Amino acid sequence: MGFLSGRITYARFAVSGDSPLPFDEDLLEKANLHAIGKHGSAESTDGVKIGWGGGDHVLDNRFELEKNLINDALHLSMRVDTNKVPSSILKAYTTIETQARAHLNPSGRATKAQRTEAKEAAIIRAEAESADGRYLRMAHYPILWDGQTNTVFVGATSLNVLDRLRTLFRETFDRTLEPLTAGTLAVRLAEQRGEAASMETFGPFHDSPVVTWANEEGSSHDVLGNEFLLWLWHTLQNDSDTLNLPDGSEATIMVAKTLTLDCPRGENGRDQLTTEGPTRLPEAFRALQGGKLPRKAGLIIVRHGMQYEFTLQAETFSVSGANLPKPEDAQGDEAKIARIDGLRHLVETLDLIYDTFTRRRTGTNWTGDMGRIRNWLTAA
């Protein structure tokens, strides 16, 4: 089951309304009513069908309390069935039908009307074949609804998959999902501190007035994720690799294995660095000095004696390839409970580190911090 073994990749959403804890059979029944094959119309106009799966594997359609409700969390999968004729097959059939008609003509060439007939015949042939499922492709994506934080994790980062999930979730549970990106998370953290107004007036730290990768449908503050990685890079290199967090704990952090930087104006291309310590490379610092911003970074974080290794995407705040600590001697349900607790601890740790940044970003000392970073960037 996706979040219960192996490395974890996720995008995160806040669920509207209060948490429905304790989860019960009613929730599973709603999922079952919208299971794959039951959700939506019988015939999909675009050849794509979605619905819930049991989560164990792509063909799992069992929804059971003991299996799907674990440690105040609902674990399911969203299955996406695509039944589309490959364009190469349709093209081949069209060519075959066109050639057959062309041979009937003295010129050996098909007329315009015959080419139209050939295309229609090819479509009919291909659709007849697709009815038996030979072109069916099935994919499933793990979903974890954490009742303690009223948060949904989905094991995918594709916008197409995430959009389908939001539709399915709303139609199943009558709740909406808000993406927890760098911008929306920063606003939520400020609201929790009673400082929501501080997010309304601050300007960008970077010099470019336009960020080419900014998504008009996303949060206007998502560029904070890029600034967060820049601030973290500066802090780790010039101050300490250990941060004091708002809850009184400490986190030791290292940028490791991967680093991606991009030009916000879309003029100077992208740098993708892969090495044990990418921020120590001279070309990485030169990219920063040239005005590029970090968009993705591999991180190793240790807090409360637990070590996490993963890659963070700056704007979406999505995580990929997260390696959670393995619980010692835990088996069966105990191991699953420990995995979910480990995921919660990872998310809490990352949010606390980000909260450390946003507090400084909206605080009175930010002007001084910004001056230090700029001096660092202009250094020889």
Protein backbone atom coordinates (compact mmCIF):
# COMPACT_ATOMS: atom_id res chain seq x y z
CA MET A 1 0.00 0.00 0.00
CA GLY A 2 1.47 3.32 -1.20
CA PHE A 3 2.16 5.25 2.00
CA LEU A 4 2.74 2.17 4.12
CA SER A 5 5.96 0.89 2.52
CA GLY A 6 8.89 2.11 0.46
CA ARG A 7 9.79 5.67 -0.38
CA ILE A 8 7.03 8.27 -0.34
CA THR A 9 6.10 10.88 -2.92
CA TYR A 10 3.25 13.24 -2.16
CA ALA A 11 1.40 16.44 -2.88
CA ARG A 12 -0.60 17.74 0.06
CA PHE A 13 -4.11 19.19 0.41
CA ALA A 14 -6.09 20.75 3.24
CA VAL A 15 -9.63 19.32 3.52
CA SER A 16 -12.51 21.74 3.98
CA GLY A 17 -14.60 21.56 7.14
CA ASP A 18 -13.84 19.91 10.45
CA SER A 19 -12.07 16.59 10.69
CA PRO A 20 -14.56 13.71 10.48
CA LEU A 21 -12.78 11.74 13.21
CA PRO A 22 -13.45 9.13 14.24
CA PHE A 23 -13.45 7.58 10.78
CA ASP A 24 -16.08 4.86 10.46
CA GLU A 25 -17.86 2.56 8.02
CA ASP A 26 -19.91 5.45 6.63
CA LEU A 27 -16.76 6.91 5.10
CA LEU A 28 -15.86 3.60 3.53
CA GLU A 29 -19.38 3.21 2.18
CA LYS A 30 -19.10 6.58 0.44
CA ALA A 31 -15.83 5.50 -1.11
CA ASN A 32 -17.38 2.21 -2.20
CA LEU A 33 -20.27 4.04 -3.89
CA HIS A 34 -17.70 5.92 -5.97
CA ALA A 35 -15.37 2.98 -6.57
CA ILE A 36 -13.88 2.48 -10.03
CA GLY A 37 -16.62 1.29 -12.35
CA LYS A 38 -19.33 2.91 -10.22
CA HIS A 39 -18.30 6.56 -10.28
CA GLY A 40 -19.64 8.81 -13.03
CA SER A 41 -21.33 7.87 -16.27
CA ALA A 42 -21.06 4.39 -17.74
CA GLU A 43 -19.52 5.76 -20.94
CA SER A 44 -16.73 8.30 -20.57
CA THR A 45 -16.56 10.84 -23.38
CA ASP A 46 -12.77 11.13 -23.20
CA GLY A 47 -12.01 7.46 -22.64
CA VAL A 48 -10.93 8.07 -19.03
CA LYS A 49 -12.69 6.72 -15.96
CA ILE A 50 -11.78 7.42 -12.35
CA GLY A 51 -12.86 5.95 -9.05
CA TRP A 52 -11.61 4.70 -5.71
CA GLY A 53 -9.66 1.50 -5.23
CA GLY A 54 -8.85 -0.45 -2.10
CA GLY A 55 -5.20 0.61 -2.16
CA ASP A 56 -3.35 -2.72 -1.96
CA HIS A 57 -2.83 -3.01 -5.73
CA VAL A 58 -4.31 -1.73 -8.97
CA LEU A 59 -7.10 -4.37 -8.96
CA ASP A 60 -7.95 -4.12 -5.27
CA ASN A 61 -11.64 -3.21 -4.80
CA ARG A 62 -12.05 -4.17 -1.13
CA PHE A 63 -12.98 -1.49 1.40
CA GLU A 64 -12.67 -2.80 4.97
CA LEU A 65 -12.26 -1.15 8.37
CA GLU A 66 -9.27 -3.26 9.36
CA LYS A 67 -7.48 -2.68 6.08
CA ASN A 68 -8.29 0.90 5.13
CA LEU A 69 -8.67 2.71 8.47
CA ILE A 70 -5.30 2.85 10.23
CA ASN A 71 -4.11 5.18 12.99
CA ASP A 72 -6.81 7.84 12.42
CA ALA A 73 -6.10 7.78 8.69
CA LEU A 74 -8.06 6.56 5.68
CA HIS A 75 -5.85 4.80 3.14
CA LEU A 76 -7.25 4.30 -0.37
CA SER A 77 -6.13 4.68 -3.95
CA MET A 78 -7.54 6.60 -6.88
CA ARG A 79 -7.63 4.46 -10.01
CA VAL A 80 -7.53 6.01 -13.45
CA ASP A 81 -8.54 3.80 -16.37
CA THR A 82 -7.69 5.09 -19.84
CA ASN A 83 -9.19 3.33 -22.84
CA LYS A 84 -7.89 5.18 -25.87
CA VAL A 85 -6.76 3.89 -29.24
CA PRO A 86 -3.05 4.72 -29.70
CA SER A 87 -2.53 7.33 -32.39
CA SER A 88 -0.03 5.05 -34.15
CA ILE A 89 -2.70 2.32 -34.48
CA LEU A 90 -5.30 4.74 -35.79
CA LYS A 91 -2.81 6.14 -38.28
CA ALA A 92 -1.90 2.65 -39.48
CA TYR A 93 -5.55 1.66 -39.96
CA THR A 94 -6.22 4.90 -41.83
CA THR A 95 -3.30 4.20 -44.16
CA ILE A 96 -4.48 0.62 -44.80
CA GLU A 97 -8.04 1.74 -45.56
CA THR A 98 -6.82 4.57 -47.80
CA GLN A 99 -4.53 2.28 -49.78
CA ALA A 100 -7.32 -0.27 -50.26
CA ARG A 101 -9.52 2.40 -51.83
CA ALA A 102 -6.70 3.90 -53.90
CA HIS A 103 -6.12 0.53 -55.60
CA LEU A 104 -9.66 0.73 -57.02
CA ASN A 105 -8.80 3.87 -58.97
CA PRO A 106 -6.95 3.97 -62.31
CA SER A 107 -4.72 6.73 -60.93
CA GLY A 108 -3.76 4.65 -57.92
CA ARG A 109 -4.55 7.60 -55.68
CA ALA A 110 -7.49 7.93 -53.29
CA THR A 111 -9.96 10.72 -53.84
CA LYS A 112 -10.85 13.22 -51.13
CA ALA A 113 -14.13 11.39 -50.50
CA GLN A 114 -12.30 8.07 -50.27
CA ARG A 115 -9.80 9.49 -47.79
CA THR A 116 -12.71 10.65 -45.64
CA GLU A 117 -14.31 7.19 -45.89
CA ALA A 118 -10.99 5.58 -45.00
CA LYS A 119 -10.62 7.73 -41.88
CA GLU A 120 -14.15 6.87 -40.75
CA ALA A 121 -13.60 3.18 -41.40
CA ALA A 122 -10.34 3.26 -39.43
CA ILE A 123 -12.10 4.87 -36.45
CA ILE A 124 -14.88 2.27 -36.51
CA ARG A 125 -12.35 -0.58 -36.65
CA ALA A 126 -10.24 0.83 -33.84
CA GLU A 127 -13.23 1.55 -31.58
CA ALA A 128 -14.55 -1.99 -32.15
CA GLU A 129 -11.20 -3.36 -31.00
CA SER A 130 -11.01 -1.05 -27.99
CA ALA A 131 -14.33 -2.43 -26.75
CA ASP A 132 -12.61 -5.65 -25.69
CA GLY A 133 -10.20 -3.71 -23.47
CA ARG A 134 -7.04 -4.35 -25.45
CA TYR A 135 -6.05 -0.68 -25.21
CA LEU A 136 -7.04 -0.25 -21.57
CA ARG A 137 -4.36 1.19 -19.30
CA MET A 138 -4.88 1.19 -15.55
CA ALA A 139 -2.99 3.31 -13.05
CA HIS A 140 -3.58 3.86 -9.36
CA TYR A 141 -2.30 6.50 -6.97
CA PRO A 142 -2.17 6.09 -3.19
CA ILE A 143 -4.31 8.44 -1.13
CA LEU A 144 -4.00 9.04 2.62
CA TRP A 145 -6.55 11.17 4.47
CA ASP A 146 -4.99 12.03 7.83
CA GLY A 147 -7.86 12.68 10.21
CA GLN A 148 -5.63 14.18 12.90
CA THR A 149 -4.58 17.08 10.68
CA ASN A 150 -7.50 16.88 8.20
CA THR A 151 -4.99 16.64 5.39
CA VAL A 152 -4.98 14.53 2.24
CA PHE A 153 -1.76 13.18 0.77
CA VAL A 154 -1.70 11.89 -2.78
CA GLY A 155 1.17 9.86 -4.18
CA ALA A 156 1.47 11.90 -7.38
CA THR A 157 2.52 15.37 -8.47
CA SER A 158 0.98 15.49 -11.97
CA LEU A 159 -1.51 18.37 -12.24
CA ASN A 160 -3.81 16.18 -14.32
CA VAL A 161 -3.94 13.51 -11.60
CA LEU A 162 -4.39 16.09 -8.84
CA ASP A 163 -7.27 17.77 -10.68
CA ARG A 164 -9.03 14.41 -11.08
CA LEU A 165 -8.56 13.72 -7.37
CA ARG A 166 -10.13 17.04 -6.35
CA THR A 167 -13.18 16.28 -8.48
CA LEU A 168 -13.54 12.70 -7.18
CA PHE A 169 -13.03 13.76 -3.55
CA ARG A 170 -15.65 16.51 -3.76
CA GLU A 171 -18.23 14.26 -5.40
CA THR A 172 -17.58 11.45 -2.91
CA PHE A 173 -17.25 13.23 0.42
CA ASP A 174 -18.81 16.64 -0.34
CA ARG A 175 -15.59 18.37 0.71
CA THR A 176 -13.11 20.47 -1.22
CA LEU A 177 -9.34 20.15 -1.30
CA GLU A 178 -7.03 23.18 -1.12
CA PRO A 179 -3.47 22.59 -2.38
CA LEU A 180 -0.91 23.22 0.35
CA THR A 181 1.73 24.96 -1.75
CA ALA A 182 4.49 27.24 -0.53
CA GLY A 183 2.13 30.21 -0.76
CA THR A 184 -1.00 28.75 0.82
CA LEU A 185 1.04 27.11 3.56
CA ALA A 186 2.74 30.41 4.38
CA VAL A 187 -0.67 32.08 4.70
CA ARG A 188 -1.97 29.28 6.95
CA LEU A 189 1.10 29.52 9.20
CA ALA A 190 0.70 33.30 9.44
CA GLU A 191 -2.99 32.88 10.33
CA GLN A 192 -2.08 30.43 13.08
CA ARG A 193 0.29 33.06 14.51
CA GLY A 194 -2.38 35.76 14.20
CA GLU A 195 -0.27 37.59 11.62
CA ALA A 196 -2.31 37.10 8.46
CA ALA A 197 -2.07 40.80 7.62
CA SER A 198 1.71 40.51 7.35
CA MET A 199 1.30 38.43 4.19
CA GLU A 200 -0.62 41.14 2.35
CA THR A 201 2.02 43.81 1.93
CA PHE A 202 5.45 42.24 1.61
CA GLY A 203 7.21 42.36 -1.75
CA PRO A 204 9.48 39.80 -3.37
CA PHE A 205 13.11 39.47 -2.35
CA HIS A 206 14.24 38.49 -5.84
CA ASP A 207 15.00 41.24 -8.38
CA SER A 208 12.92 39.91 -11.27
CA PRO A 209 9.43 41.49 -11.52
CA VAL A 210 8.21 38.43 -13.45
CA VAL A 211 8.64 34.76 -12.56
CA THR A 212 8.02 32.70 -15.68
CA TRP A 213 7.04 29.54 -13.82
CA ALA A 214 4.45 31.26 -11.62
CA ASN A 215 1.09 29.54 -12.08
CA GLU A 216 -1.77 31.99 -12.47
CA GLU A 217 -4.09 29.42 -10.86
CA GLY A 218 -1.78 28.90 -7.89
CA SER A 219 -1.03 31.06 -4.89
CA SER A 220 0.51 34.46 -5.58
CA HIS A 221 2.95 33.71 -2.77
CA ASP A 222 4.30 30.41 -4.16
CA VAL A 223 7.60 32.10 -5.03
CA LEU A 224 8.20 32.05 -1.27
CA GLY A 225 9.22 28.43 -1.79
CA ASN A 226 12.11 29.55 -4.00
CA GLU A 227 13.08 32.21 -1.48
CA PHE A 228 12.89 29.64 1.32
CA LEU A 229 15.46 27.40 -0.39
CA LEU A 230 17.69 30.43 -1.03
CA TRP A 231 17.42 31.53 2.62
CA LEU A 232 18.08 27.98 3.80
CA TRP A 233 21.16 27.71 1.56
CA HIS A 234 22.54 30.98 2.96
CA THR A 235 21.77 30.04 6.56
CA LEU A 236 23.35 26.60 6.37
CA GLN A 237 26.48 27.92 4.69
CA ASN A 238 27.01 31.06 6.76
CA ASP A 239 25.39 30.49 10.15
CA SER A 240 24.75 26.91 11.23
CA ASP A 241 23.45 23.61 9.92
CA THR A 242 21.17 23.41 12.97
CA LEU A 243 18.04 25.54 13.24
CA ASN A 244 16.10 26.38 16.37
CA LEU A 245 12.44 25.74 15.55
CA PRO A 246 9.35 27.56 16.88
CA ASP A 247 8.31 24.58 19.04
CA GLY A 248 11.63 24.61 20.91
CA SER A 249 13.12 21.65 19.06
CA GLU A 250 16.12 21.64 16.73
CA ALA A 251 16.61 20.39 13.20
CA THR A 252 19.92 19.61 11.56
CA ILE A 253 19.74 20.09 7.79
CA MET A 254 21.92 19.37 4.78
CA VAL A 255 21.32 20.00 1.09
CA ALA A 256 22.28 16.75 -0.61
CA LYS A 257 22.40 14.95 -3.96
CA THR A 258 20.30 17.22 -6.14
CA LEU A 259 19.74 20.91 -6.81
CA THR A 260 17.84 22.64 -9.62
CA LEU A 261 18.11 26.37 -10.30
CA ASP A 262 16.18 28.33 -12.91
CA CYS A 263 16.13 31.83 -14.33
CA PRO A 264 12.92 33.59 -13.21
CA ARG A 265 12.90 35.61 -16.44
CA GLY A 266 13.22 32.52 -18.62
CA GLU A 267 16.36 33.87 -20.30
CA ASN A 268 19.37 31.91 -19.04
CA GLY A 269 18.15 28.33 -18.89
CA ARG A 270 18.21 25.84 -16.05
CA ASP A 271 20.99 24.24 -14.02
CA GLN A 272 20.49 20.72 -12.69
CA LEU A 273 23.25 19.59 -10.37
CA THR A 274 23.63 16.08 -8.99
CA THR A 275 26.31 15.44 -6.41
CA GLU A 276 26.64 14.80 -2.67
CA GLY A 277 26.93 18.50 -1.80
CA PRO A 278 25.48 20.49 -4.70
CA THR A 279 25.45 23.87 -2.92
CA ARG A 280 29.25 23.64 -2.50
CA LEU A 281 29.82 23.59 -6.25
CA PRO A 282 31.20 26.87 -7.68
CA GLU A 283 28.78 26.67 -10.61
CA ALA A 284 25.84 26.54 -8.18
CA PHE A 285 26.88 29.78 -6.52
CA ARG A 286 27.58 31.41 -9.88
CA ALA A 287 24.04 30.50 -10.95
CA LEU A 288 22.70 32.27 -7.85
CA GLN A 289 24.84 35.30 -8.55
CA GLY A 290 23.46 35.33 -12.08
CA GLY A 291 19.94 35.76 -10.73
CA LYS A 292 18.71 32.17 -10.81
CA LEU A 293 16.51 30.84 -8.03
CA PRO A 294 16.45 27.32 -6.54
CA ARG A 295 13.39 25.34 -7.58
CA LYS A 296 14.17 21.89 -6.24
CA ALA A 297 16.59 20.56 -3.66
CA GLY A 298 17.46 17.28 -2.02
CA LEU A 299 17.38 17.59 1.76
CA ILE A 300 18.51 15.48 4.70
CA ILE A 301 16.87 16.52 7.96
CA VAL A 302 17.36 15.15 11.46
CA ARG A 303 14.94 16.05 14.27
CA HIS A 304 14.16 14.21 17.50
CA GLY A 305 16.73 11.61 16.45
CA MET A 306 14.78 10.75 13.29
CA GLN A 307 16.41 11.26 9.90
CA TYR A 308 14.55 12.01 6.68
CA GLU A 309 15.91 12.21 3.16
CA PHE A 310 13.79 13.57 0.31
CA THR A 311 13.56 16.05 -2.56
CA LEU A 312 11.48 19.21 -2.08
CA GLN A 313 9.85 21.08 -4.97
CA ALA A 314 9.93 24.73 -3.95
CA GLU A 315 6.69 26.23 -5.29
CA THR A 316 4.32 23.30 -4.77
CA PHE A 317 6.06 22.13 -1.59
CA SER A 318 5.57 18.58 -2.86
CA VAL A 319 7.95 15.88 -1.67
CA SER A 320 9.40 13.03 -3.69
CA GLY A 321 11.42 9.97 -2.75
CA ALA A 322 11.10 10.49 1.00
CA ASN A 323 12.88 7.82 2.98
CA LEU A 324 11.24 7.38 6.40
CA PRO A 325 13.02 5.81 9.39
CA LYS A 326 12.24 2.10 9.65
CA PRO A 327 10.64 1.15 12.98
CA GLU A 328 12.63 -1.53 14.78
CA ASP A 329 10.93 -4.89 15.32
CA ALA A 330 7.56 -3.51 14.19
CA GLN A 331 5.42 -5.91 12.17
CA GLY A 332 1.93 -5.91 10.66
CA ASP A 333 -0.37 -3.19 11.99
CA GLU A 334 2.34 -1.82 14.28
CA ALA A 335 4.58 -1.15 11.28
CA LYS A 336 1.73 0.60 9.44
CA ILE A 337 0.95 2.77 12.46
CA ALA A 338 4.64 3.67 12.77
CA ARG A 339 4.80 4.60 9.08
CA ILE A 340 1.88 7.01 9.35
CA ASP A 341 3.37 8.54 12.50
CA GLY A 342 6.67 8.89 10.63
CA LEU A 343 4.94 10.71 7.78
CA ARG A 344 3.24 13.05 10.26
CA HIS A 345 6.57 13.76 11.94
CA LEU A 346 8.24 14.49 8.59
CA VAL A 347 5.49 16.94 7.62
CA GLU A 348 5.55 18.59 11.05
CA THR A 349 9.34 18.96 10.83
CA LEU A 350 9.26 20.46 7.34
CA ASP A 351 6.46 22.86 8.32
CA LEU A 352 8.37 24.00 11.41
CA ILE A 353 11.46 24.72 9.31
CA TYR A 354 9.35 26.64 6.81
CA ASP A 355 7.62 28.47 9.65
CA THR A 356 11.05 29.55 10.92
CA PHE A 357 11.64 31.15 7.53
CA THR A 358 8.19 32.76 7.18
CA ARG A 359 8.47 34.29 10.65
CA ARG A 360 11.69 36.00 9.62
CA ARG A 361 10.31 36.81 6.16
CA THR A 362 7.39 38.79 7.60
CA GLY A 363 9.26 40.06 10.67
CA THR A 364 10.99 43.35 11.42
CA ASN A 365 14.49 41.86 10.99
CA TRP A 366 13.95 40.78 7.40
CA THR A 367 15.58 43.90 5.96
CA GLY A 368 18.80 42.96 7.73
CA ASP A 369 18.54 39.36 6.59
CA MET A 370 17.97 40.50 3.02
CA GLY A 371 21.05 42.73 3.19
CA ARG A 372 23.19 39.85 4.43
CA ILE A 373 21.99 37.57 1.64
CA ARG A 374 22.65 40.20 -1.00
CA ASN A 375 26.13 40.88 0.37
CA TRP A 376 26.79 37.16 0.27
CA LEU A 377 25.66 36.95 -3.35
CA THR A 378 27.85 39.86 -4.44
CA ALA A 379 30.92 38.49 -2.69
CA ALA A 380 33.78 37.37 -4.90
